[in-house]
Amino acid sequence: MYQKVIAMKQLLIQKIKHSPTLNTILMVEETIQFADESVVTVVYIKKHLPRQVNHNTLMDILQYLEDSNKIAVSLKGITWIHNKSPKLKKAITEGLEL
């Protein structure tokens, strides 16, 4: 019985996944957004981050940014596509659909 409890605890510990902090996400966002090049690679991001980030954590952040439509990922690399301009939002909402 006691061994089952230990096995269950170990299984739960393995299932718990590390989540990136908000500061880390913002750091990656800024690195991509203000990059010198329009298309960047994962290696470029890792080299230009102020602090070192675990590869798996970086992949989770990039997946989140892609799911939230802030970046586009292609074969050539990663591009920042999020635009928070109020003029653009107004043009989209009031524009004519062709």
PDB file of N, CA and C in Angstrom:
ATOM      1  N   MET A   1       0.828  -1.190   0.000  1.00  0.00           N
ATOM      2  CA  MET A   1       0.000   0.000   0.000  1.00  0.00           C
ATOM      3  C   MET A   1       0.873   1.254   0.000  1.00  0.00           C
ATOM      4  N   TYR A   2       1.897   1.267   0.864  1.00  0.00           N
ATOM      5  CA  TYR A   2       2.773   2.423   0.985  1.00  0.00           C
ATOM      6  C   TYR A   2       3.525   2.679  -0.321  1.00  0.00           C
ATOM      7  N   GLN A   3       3.910   1.613  -1.022  1.00  0.00           N
ATOM      8  CA  GLN A   3       4.624   1.757  -2.292  1.00  0.00           C
ATOM      9  C   GLN A   3       3.727   2.376  -3.358  1.00  0.00           C
ATOM     10  N   LYS A   4       2.431   2.067  -3.319  1.00  0.00           N
ATOM     11  CA  LYS A   4       1.494   2.659  -4.275  1.00  0.00           C
ATOM     12  C   LYS A   4       1.394   4.168  -4.074  1.00  0.00           C
ATOM     13  N   VAL A   5       1.373   4.585  -2.819  1.00  0.00           N
ATOM     14  CA  VAL A   5       1.295   6.016  -2.514  1.00  0.00           C
ATOM     15  C   VAL A   5       2.545   6.732  -3.024  1.00  0.00           C
ATOM     16  N   ILE A   6       3.701   6.139  -2.815  1.00  0.00           N
ATOM     17  CA  ILE A   6       4.952   6.735  -3.294  1.00  0.00           C
ATOM     18  C   ILE A   6       4.953   6.798  -4.817  1.00  0.00           C
ATOM     19  N   ALA A   7       4.503   5.735  -5.464  1.00  0.00           N
ATOM     20  CA  ALA A   7       4.452   5.708  -6.925  1.00  0.00           C
ATOM     21  C   ALA A   7       3.496   6.776  -7.459  1.00  0.00           C
ATOM     22  N   MET A   8       2.362   6.975  -6.797  1.00  0.00           N
ATOM     23  CA  MET A   8       1.394   7.996  -7.218  1.00  0.00           C
ATOM     24  C   MET A   8       1.992   9.397  -7.068  1.00  0.00           C
ATOM     25  N   LYS A   9       2.697   9.647  -5.963  1.00  0.00           N
ATOM     26  CA  LYS A   9       3.330  10.949  -5.751  1.00  0.00           C
ATOM     27  C   LYS A   9       4.374  11.231  -6.825  1.00  0.00           C
ATOM     28  N   GLN A  10       5.180  10.225  -7.161  1.00  0.00           N
ATOM     29  CA  GLN A  10       6.201  10.399  -8.192  1.00  0.00           C
ATOM     30  C   GLN A  10       5.558  10.671  -9.546  1.00  0.00           C
ATOM     31  N   LEU A  11       4.459  10.013  -9.843  1.00  0.00           N
ATOM     32  CA  LEU A  11       3.747  10.232 -11.100  1.00  0.00           C
ATOM     33  C   LEU A  11       3.192  11.648 -11.162  1.00  0.00           C
ATOM     34  N   LEU A  12       2.642  12.150 -10.061  1.00  0.00           N
ATOM     35  CA  LEU A  12       2.120  13.517 -10.028  1.00  0.00           C
ATOM     36  C   LEU A  12       3.239  14.541 -10.199  1.00  0.00           C
ATOM     37  N   ILE A  13       4.377  14.292  -9.586  1.00  0.00           N
ATOM     38  CA  ILE A  13       5.513  15.214  -9.702  1.00  0.00           C
ATOM     39  C   ILE A  13       5.998  15.272 -11.151  1.00  0.00           C
ATOM     40  N   GLN A  14       6.010  14.143 -11.849  1.00  0.00           N
ATOM     41  CA  GLN A  14       6.440  14.115 -13.247  1.00  0.00           C
ATOM     42  C   GLN A  14       5.469  14.869 -14.147  1.00  0.00           C
ATOM     43  N   LYS A  15       4.175  14.851 -13.823  1.00  0.00           N
ATOM     44  CA  LYS A  15       3.169  15.492 -14.658  1.00  0.00           C
ATOM     45  C   LYS A  15       3.152  17.011 -14.499  1.00  0.00           C
ATOM     46  N   ILE A  16       3.653  17.511 -13.370  1.00  0.00           N
ATOM     47  CA  ILE A  16       3.672  18.953 -13.144  1.00  0.00           C
ATOM     48  C   ILE A  16       4.703  19.562 -14.090  1.00  0.00           C
ATOM     49  N   LYS A  17       4.250  20.520 -14.901  1.00  0.00           N
ATOM     50  CA  LYS A  17       5.117  21.134 -15.890  1.00  0.00           C
ATOM     51  C   LYS A  17       5.488  22.541 -15.433  1.00  0.00           C
ATOM     52  N   HIS A  18       6.716  22.896 -15.656  1.00  0.00           N
ATOM     53  CA  HIS A  18       7.188  24.235 -15.297  1.00  0.00           C
ATOM     54  C   HIS A  18       6.594  25.262 -16.256  1.00  0.00           C
ATOM     55  N   SER A  19       6.075  26.352 -15.717  1.00  0.00           N
ATOM     56  CA  SER A  19       5.525  27.428 -16.535  1.00  0.00           C
ATOM     57  C   SER A  19       6.455  28.622 -16.477  1.00  0.00           C
ATOM     58  N   PRO A  20       6.633  29.314 -17.600  1.00  0.00           N
ATOM     59  CA  PRO A  20       7.497  30.489 -17.590  1.00  0.00           C
ATOM     60  C   PRO A  20       6.856  31.641 -16.821  1.00  0.00           C
ATOM     61  N   THR A  21       7.684  32.499 -16.258  1.00  0.00           N
ATOM     62  CA  THR A  21       7.167  33.654 -15.535  1.00  0.00           C
ATOM     63  C   THR A  21       6.795  34.751 -16.532  1.00  0.00           C
ATOM     64  N   LEU A  22       6.009  35.695 -16.057  1.00  0.00           N
ATOM     65  CA  LEU A  22       5.598  36.815 -16.901  1.00  0.00           C
ATOM     66  C   LEU A  22       6.815  37.622 -17.352  1.00  0.00           C
ATOM     67  N   ASN A  23       7.773  37.813 -16.467  1.00  0.00           N
ATOM     68  CA  ASN A  23       8.990  38.553 -16.831  1.00  0.00           C
ATOM     69  C   ASN A  23       9.744  37.876 -17.970  1.00  0.00           C
ATOM     70  N   THR A  24       9.804  36.551 -17.942  1.00  0.00           N
ATOM     71  CA  THR A  24      10.490  35.812 -18.999  1.00  0.00           C
ATOM     72  C   THR A  24       9.742  35.956 -20.324  1.00  0.00           C
ATOM     73  N   ILE A  25       8.422  35.868 -20.274  1.00  0.00           N
ATOM     74  CA  ILE A  25       7.626  36.026 -21.492  1.00  0.00           C
ATOM     75  C   ILE A  25       7.825  37.417 -22.084  1.00  0.00           C
ATOM     76  N   LEU A  26       7.784  38.444 -21.241  1.00  0.00           N
ATOM     77  CA  LEU A  26       7.980  39.816 -21.712  1.00  0.00           C
ATOM     78  C   LEU A  26       9.387  40.016 -22.271  1.00  0.00           C
ATOM     79  N   MET A  27      10.357  39.398 -21.662  1.00  0.00           N
ATOM     80  CA  MET A  27      11.734  39.497 -22.131  1.00  0.00           C
ATOM     81  C   MET A  27      11.873  38.908 -23.538  1.00  0.00           C
ATOM     82  N   VAL A  28      11.244  37.758 -23.773  1.00  0.00           N
ATOM     83  CA  VAL A  28      11.290  37.128 -25.098  1.00  0.00           C
ATOM     84  C   VAL A  28      10.513  37.979 -26.111  1.00  0.00           C
ATOM     85  N   GLU A  29       9.351  38.496 -25.706  1.00  0.00           N
ATOM     86  CA  GLU A  29       8.564  39.360 -26.597  1.00  0.00           C
ATOM     87  C   GLU A  29       9.386  40.555 -27.060  1.00  0.00           C
ATOM     88  N   GLU A  30      10.034  41.236 -26.124  1.00  0.00           N
ATOM     89  CA  GLU A  30      10.818  42.420 -26.463  1.00  0.00           C
ATOM     90  C   GLU A  30      12.002  42.072 -27.354  1.00  0.00           C
ATOM     91  N   THR A  31      12.619  40.937 -27.111  1.00  0.00           N
ATOM     92  CA  THR A  31      13.752  40.526 -27.933  1.00  0.00           C
ATOM     93  C   THR A  31      13.325  40.309 -29.372  1.00  0.00           C
ATOM     94  N   ILE A  32      12.173  39.673 -29.572  1.00  0.00           N
ATOM     95  CA  ILE A  32      11.692  39.434 -30.931  1.00  0.00           C
ATOM     96  C   ILE A  32      11.192  40.731 -31.558  1.00  0.00           C
ATOM     97  N   GLN A  33      10.437  41.504 -30.807  1.00  0.00           N
ATOM     98  CA  GLN A  33       9.811  42.714 -31.329  1.00  0.00           C
ATOM     99  C   GLN A  33      10.849  43.751 -31.764  1.00  0.00           C
ATOM    100  N   PHE A  34      11.908  43.916 -31.004  1.00  0.00           N
ATOM    101  CA  PHE A  34      12.886  44.956 -31.297  1.00  0.00           C
ATOM    102  C   PHE A  34      14.168  44.397 -31.918  1.00  0.00           C
ATOM    103  N   ALA A  35      14.071  43.248 -32.570  1.00  0.00           N
ATOM    104  CA  ALA A  35      15.231  42.649 -33.235  1.00  0.00           C
ATOM    105  C   ALA A  35      15.633  43.486 -34.447  1.00  0.00           C
ATOM    106  N   ASP A  36      16.920  43.440 -34.775  1.00  0.00           N
ATOM    107  CA  ASP A  36      17.431  44.192 -35.925  1.00  0.00           C
ATOM    108  C   ASP A  36      16.903  43.634 -37.240  1.00  0.00           C
ATOM    109  N   GLU A  37      16.626  42.364 -37.265  1.00  0.00           N
ATOM    110  CA  GLU A  37      16.156  41.698 -38.481  1.00  0.00           C
ATOM    111  C   GLU A  37      14.655  41.460 -38.377  1.00  0.00           C
ATOM    112  N   SER A  38      13.983  41.356 -39.518  1.00  0.00           N
ATOM    113  CA  SER A  38      12.538  41.132 -39.485  1.00  0.00           C
ATOM    114  C   SER A  38      12.198  39.665 -39.215  1.00  0.00           C
ATOM    115  N   VAL A  39      13.069  38.768 -39.642  1.00  0.00           N
ATOM    116  CA  VAL A  39      12.880  37.335 -39.386  1.00  0.00           C
ATOM    117  C   VAL A  39      14.056  36.857 -38.549  1.00  0.00           C
ATOM    118  N   VAL A  40      13.750  36.279 -37.387  1.00  0.00           N
ATOM    119  CA  VAL A  40      14.806  35.818 -36.484  1.00  0.00           C
ATOM    120  C   VAL A  40      14.668  34.320 -36.238  1.00  0.00           C
ATOM    121  N   THR A  41      15.756  33.713 -35.826  1.00  0.00           N
ATOM    122  CA  THR A  41      15.762  32.288 -35.510  1.00  0.00           C
ATOM    123  C   THR A  41      15.780  32.104 -33.996  1.00  0.00           C
ATOM    124  N   VAL A  42      15.590  30.887 -33.576  1.00  0.00           N
ATOM    125  CA  VAL A  42      15.640  30.569 -32.148  1.00  0.00           C
ATOM    126  C   VAL A  42      17.045  30.848 -31.609  1.00  0.00           C
ATOM    127  N   VAL A  43      18.063  30.548 -32.398  1.00  0.00           N
ATOM    128  CA  VAL A  43      19.444  30.804 -31.983  1.00  0.00           C
ATOM    129  C   VAL A  43      19.661  32.312 -31.782  1.00  0.00           C
ATOM    130  N   TYR A  44      19.142  33.128 -32.687  1.00  0.00           N
ATOM    131  CA  TYR A  44      19.250  34.583 -32.557  1.00  0.00           C
ATOM    132  C   TYR A  44      18.593  35.043 -31.257  1.00  0.00           C
ATOM    133  N   ILE A  45      17.398  34.519 -30.972  1.00  0.00           N
ATOM    134  CA  ILE A  45      16.682  34.902 -29.753  1.00  0.00           C
ATOM    135  C   ILE A  45      17.509  34.532 -28.522  1.00  0.00           C
ATOM    136  N   LYS A  46      18.046  33.312 -28.500  1.00  0.00           N
ATOM    137  CA  LYS A  46      18.837  32.869 -27.354  1.00  0.00           C
ATOM    138  C   LYS A  46      20.071  33.749 -27.147  1.00  0.00           C
ATOM    139  N   LYS A  47      20.719  34.158 -28.239  1.00  0.00           N
ATOM    140  CA  LYS A  47      21.931  34.973 -28.133  1.00  0.00           C
ATOM    141  C   LYS A  47      21.632  36.386 -27.651  1.00  0.00           C
ATOM    142  N   HIS A  48      20.445  36.911 -27.978  1.00  0.00           N
ATOM    143  CA  HIS A  48      20.142  38.305 -27.675  1.00  0.00           C
ATOM    144  C   HIS A  48      19.277  38.500 -26.428  1.00  0.00           C
ATOM    145  N   LEU A  49      18.925  37.423 -25.739  1.00  0.00           N
ATOM    146  CA  LEU A  49      18.186  37.559 -24.493  1.00  0.00           C
ATOM    147  C   LEU A  49      19.111  38.074 -23.399  1.00  0.00           C
ATOM    148  N   PRO A  50      18.621  38.963 -22.535  1.00  0.00           N
ATOM    149  CA  PRO A  50      19.466  39.467 -21.446  1.00  0.00           C
ATOM    150  C   PRO A  50      19.870  38.376 -20.450  1.00  0.00           C
ATOM    151  N   ARG A  51      18.997  37.387 -20.273  1.00  0.00           N
ATOM    152  CA  ARG A  51      19.287  36.263 -19.374  1.00  0.00           C
ATOM    153  C   ARG A  51      19.110  34.966 -20.141  1.00  0.00           C
ATOM    154  N   GLN A  52      19.772  33.930 -19.687  1.00  0.00           N
ATOM    155  CA  GLN A  52      19.650  32.633 -20.322  1.00  0.00           C
ATOM    156  C   GLN A  52      18.301  32.012 -19.972  1.00  0.00           C
ATOM    157  N   VAL A  53      17.651  31.399 -20.979  1.00  0.00           N
ATOM    158  CA  VAL A  53      16.345  30.765 -20.797  1.00  0.00           C
ATOM    159  C   VAL A  53      16.456  29.309 -21.231  1.00  0.00           C
ATOM    160  N   ASN A  54      15.891  28.427 -20.454  1.00  0.00           N
ATOM    161  CA  ASN A  54      15.848  27.006 -20.785  1.00  0.00           C
ATOM    162  C   ASN A  54      15.200  26.816 -22.154  1.00  0.00           C
ATOM    163  N   HIS A  55      15.720  25.893 -22.961  1.00  0.00           N
ATOM    164  CA  HIS A  55      15.210  25.679 -24.319  1.00  0.00           C
ATOM    165  C   HIS A  55      13.730  25.303 -24.314  1.00  0.00           C
ATOM    166  N   ASN A  56      13.338  24.393 -23.430  1.00  0.00           N
ATOM    167  CA  ASN A  56      11.936  23.970 -23.378  1.00  0.00           C
ATOM    168  C   ASN A  56      11.020  25.123 -22.951  1.00  0.00           C
ATOM    169  N   THR A  57      11.495  25.948 -22.030  1.00  0.00           N
ATOM    170  CA  THR A  57      10.723  27.113 -21.610  1.00  0.00           C
ATOM    171  C   THR A  57      10.564  28.078 -22.773  1.00  0.00           C
ATOM    172  N   LEU A  58      11.633  28.298 -23.530  1.00  0.00           N
ATOM    173  CA  LEU A  58      11.572  29.176 -24.697  1.00  0.00           C
ATOM    174  C   LEU A  58      10.591  28.641 -25.733  1.00  0.00           C
ATOM    175  N   MET A  59      10.592  27.340 -25.944  1.00  0.00           N
ATOM    176  CA  MET A  59       9.659  26.734 -26.900  1.00  0.00           C
ATOM    177  C   MET A  59       8.206  26.922 -26.441  1.00  0.00           C
ATOM    178  N   ASP A  60       7.963  26.797 -25.134  1.00  0.00           N
ATOM    179  CA  ASP A  60       6.616  27.029 -24.592  1.00  0.00           C
ATOM    180  C   ASP A  60       6.190  28.480 -24.803  1.00  0.00           C
ATOM    181  N   ILE A  61       7.113  29.409 -24.582  1.00  0.00           N
ATOM    182  CA  ILE A  61       6.799  30.827 -24.772  1.00  0.00           C
ATOM    183  C   ILE A  61       6.497  31.112 -26.240  1.00  0.00           C
ATOM    184  N   LEU A  62       7.307  30.568 -27.137  1.00  0.00           N
ATOM    185  CA  LEU A  62       7.073  30.788 -28.569  1.00  0.00           C
ATOM    186  C   LEU A  62       5.741  30.193 -29.008  1.00  0.00           C
ATOM    187  N   GLN A  63       5.374  29.054 -28.449  1.00  0.00           N
ATOM    188  CA  GLN A  63       4.069  28.448 -28.766  1.00  0.00           C
ATOM    189  C   GLN A  63       2.937  29.343 -28.280  1.00  0.00           C
ATOM    190  N   TYR A  64       3.090  29.897 -27.080  1.00  0.00           N
ATOM    191  CA  TYR A  64       2.083  30.816 -26.545  1.00  0.00           C
ATOM    192  C   TYR A  64       1.960  32.060 -27.427  1.00  0.00           C
ATOM    193  N   LEU A  65       3.094  32.635 -27.818  1.00  0.00           N
ATOM    194  CA  LEU A  65       3.072  33.844 -28.657  1.00  0.00           C
ATOM    195  C   LEU A  65       2.449  33.560 -30.022  1.00  0.00           C
ATOM    196  N   GLU A  66       2.693  32.380 -30.555  1.00  0.00           N
ATOM    197  CA  GLU A  66       2.081  32.018 -31.838  1.00  0.00           C
ATOM    198  C   GLU A  66       0.574  31.815 -31.674  1.00  0.00           C
ATOM    199  N   ASP A  67       0.164  31.168 -30.603  1.00  0.00           N
ATOM    200  CA  ASP A  67      -1.261  30.941 -30.352  1.00  0.00           C
ATOM    201  C   ASP A  67      -2.006  32.251 -30.111  1.00  0.00           C
ATOM    202  N   SER A  68      -1.327  33.251 -29.557  1.00  0.00           N
ATOM    203  CA  SER A  68      -1.971  34.542 -29.288  1.00  0.00           C
ATOM    204  C   SER A  68      -1.780  35.533 -30.441  1.00  0.00           C
ATOM    205  N   ASN A  69      -1.306  35.040 -31.580  1.00  0.00           N
ATOM    206  CA  ASN A  69      -1.131  35.838 -32.811  1.00  0.00           C
ATOM    207  C   ASN A  69      -0.204  37.029 -32.634  1.00  0.00           C
ATOM    208  N   LYS A  70       0.837  36.849 -31.865  1.00  0.00           N
ATOM    209  CA  LYS A  70       1.841  37.901 -31.723  1.00  0.00           C
ATOM    210  C   LYS A  70       3.043  37.640 -32.621  1.00  0.00           C
ATOM    211  N   ILE A  71       3.290  36.369 -32.943  1.00  0.00           N
ATOM    212  CA  ILE A  71       4.382  36.030 -33.848  1.00  0.00           C
ATOM    213  C   ILE A  71       3.868  35.075 -34.918  1.00  0.00           C
ATOM    214  N   ALA A  72       4.591  35.052 -36.025  1.00  0.00           N
ATOM    215  CA  ALA A  72       4.327  34.066 -37.081  1.00  0.00           C
ATOM    216  C   ALA A  72       5.590  33.227 -37.215  1.00  0.00           C
ATOM    217  N   VAL A  73       5.418  31.924 -37.238  1.00  0.00           N
ATOM    218  CA  VAL A  73       6.549  31.013 -37.353  1.00  0.00           C
ATOM    219  C   VAL A  73       6.505  30.382 -38.736  1.00  0.00           C
ATOM    220  N   SER A  74       7.616  30.485 -39.458  1.00  0.00           N
ATOM    221  CA  SER A  74       7.705  29.901 -40.792  1.00  0.00           C
ATOM    222  C   SER A  74       9.002  29.098 -40.889  1.00  0.00           C
ATOM    223  N   LEU A  75       9.262  28.570 -42.065  1.00  0.00           N
ATOM    224  CA  LEU A  75      10.497  27.811 -42.258  1.00  0.00           C
ATOM    225  C   LEU A  75      11.730  28.697 -42.135  1.00  0.00           C
ATOM    226  N   LYS A  76      11.598  29.972 -42.499  1.00  0.00           N
ATOM    227  CA  LYS A  76      12.736  30.894 -42.439  1.00  0.00           C
ATOM    228  C   LYS A  76      13.013  31.385 -41.029  1.00  0.00           C
ATOM    229  N   GLY A  77      12.002  31.414 -40.178  1.00  0.00           N
ATOM    230  CA  GLY A  77      12.209  31.878 -38.816  1.00  0.00           C
ATOM    231  C   GLY A  77      10.948  32.433 -38.189  1.00  0.00           C
ATOM    232  N   ILE A  78      11.138  33.353 -37.265  1.00  0.00           N
ATOM    233  CA  ILE A  78      10.053  33.893 -36.454  1.00  0.00           C
ATOM    234  C   ILE A  78       9.939  35.389 -36.735  1.00  0.00           C
ATOM    235  N   THR A  79       8.708  35.872 -36.932  1.00  0.00           N
ATOM    236  CA  THR A  79       8.466  37.285 -37.217  1.00  0.00           C
ATOM    237  C   THR A  79       7.436  37.833 -36.251  1.00  0.00           C
ATOM    238  N   TRP A  80       7.678  39.032 -35.738  1.00  0.00           N
ATOM    239  CA  TRP A  80       6.723  39.722 -34.869  1.00  0.00           C
ATOM    240  C   TRP A  80       5.628  40.311 -35.749  1.00  0.00           C
ATOM    241  N   ILE A  81       4.343  39.965 -35.488  1.00  0.00           N
ATOM    242  CA  ILE A  81       3.249  40.448 -36.328  1.00  0.00           C
ATOM    243  C   ILE A  81       2.197  41.228 -35.549  1.00  0.00           C
ATOM    244  N   HIS A  82       2.310  41.266 -34.238  1.00  0.00           N
ATOM    245  CA  HIS A  82       1.302  41.947 -33.423  1.00  0.00           C
ATOM    246  C   HIS A  82       1.425  43.459 -33.583  1.00  0.00           C
ATOM    247  N   ASN A  83       0.305  44.122 -33.836  1.00  0.00           N
ATOM    248  CA  ASN A  83       0.298  45.577 -33.980  1.00  0.00           C
ATOM    249  C   ASN A  83      -0.834  46.111 -33.126  1.00  0.00           C
ATOM    250  N   LYS A  84      -0.509  46.941 -32.137  1.00  0.00           N
ATOM    251  CA  LYS A  84      -1.543  47.449 -31.241  1.00  0.00           C
ATOM    252  C   LYS A  84      -1.924  48.891 -31.559  1.00  0.00           C
ATOM    253  N   SER A  85      -1.768  49.284 -32.807  1.00  0.00           N
ATOM    254  CA  SER A  85      -2.100  50.641 -33.219  1.00  0.00           C
ATOM    255  C   SER A  85      -3.616  50.855 -33.221  1.00  0.00           C
ATOM    256  N   PRO A  86      -4.118  51.876 -32.542  1.00  0.00           N
ATOM    257  CA  PRO A  86      -5.561  52.137 -32.550  1.00  0.00           C
ATOM    258  C   PRO A  86      -6.068  52.530 -33.944  1.00  0.00           C
ATOM    259  N   LYS A  87      -5.216  53.164 -34.740  1.00  0.00           N
ATOM    260  CA  LYS A  87      -5.608  53.538 -36.103  1.00  0.00           C
ATOM    261  C   LYS A  87      -5.841  52.294 -36.953  1.00  0.00           C
ATOM    262  N   LEU A  88      -4.977  51.296 -36.792  1.00  0.00           N
ATOM    263  CA  LEU A  88      -5.135  50.055 -37.544  1.00  0.00           C
ATOM    264  C   LEU A  88      -6.414  49.339 -37.133  1.00  0.00           C
ATOM    265  N   LYS A  89      -6.692  49.270 -35.833  1.00  0.00           N
ATOM    266  CA  LYS A  89      -7.915  48.615 -35.359  1.00  0.00           C
ATOM    267  C   LYS A  89      -9.148  49.324 -35.895  1.00  0.00           C
ATOM    268  N   LYS A  90      -9.118  50.656 -35.913  1.00  0.00           N
ATOM    269  CA  LYS A  90     -10.250  51.432 -36.428  1.00  0.00           C
ATOM    270  C   LYS A  90     -10.433  51.175 -37.921  1.00  0.00           C
ATOM    271  N   ALA A  91      -9.338  51.136 -38.658  1.00  0.00           N
ATOM    272  CA  ALA A  91      -9.415  50.891 -40.101  1.00  0.00           C
ATOM    273  C   ALA A  91      -9.981  49.503 -40.397  1.00  0.00           C
ATOM    274  N   ILE A  92      -9.615  48.545 -39.585  1.00  0.00           N
ATOM    275  CA  ILE A  92     -10.122  47.179 -39.787  1.00  0.00           C
ATOM    276  C   ILE A  92     -11.614  47.101 -39.483  1.00  0.00           C
ATOM    277  N   THR A  93     -12.037  47.726 -38.395  1.00  0.00           N
ATOM    278  CA  THR A  93     -13.442  47.636 -38.014  1.00  0.00           C
ATOM    279  C   THR A  93     -14.350  48.456 -38.931  1.00  0.00           C
ATOM    280  N   GLU A  94     -13.849  49.581 -39.428  1.00  0.00           N
ATOM    281  CA  GLU A  94     -14.682  50.449 -40.268  1.00  0.00           C
ATOM    282  C   GLU A  94     -14.452  50.228 -41.768  1.00  0.00           C
ATOM    283  N   GLY A  95     -13.477  49.426 -42.108  1.00  0.00           N
ATOM    284  CA  GLY A  95     -13.132  49.222 -43.511  1.00  0.00           C
ATOM    285  C   GLY A  95     -14.173  48.403 -44.260  1.00  0.00           C
ATOM    286  N   LEU A  96     -14.107  48.477 -45.574  1.00  0.00           N
ATOM    287  CA  LEU A  96     -14.992  47.707 -46.431  1.00  0.00           C
ATOM    288  C   LEU A  96     -14.394  46.347 -46.708  1.00  0.00           C
ATOM    289  N   GLU A  97     -15.227  45.336 -46.687  1.00  0.00           N
ATOM    290  CA  GLU A  97     -14.750  44.003 -46.984  1.00  0.00           C
ATOM    291  C   GLU A  97     -14.902  43.756 -48.480  1.00  0.00           C
ATOM    292  N   LEU A  98     -13.836  43.308 -49.103  1.00  0.00           N
ATOM    293  CA  LEU A  98     -13.870  43.070 -50.554  1.00  0.00           C
ATOM    294  C   LEU A  98     -14.220  41.645 -50.878  1.00  0.00           C
TER     295      LEU A  98
END
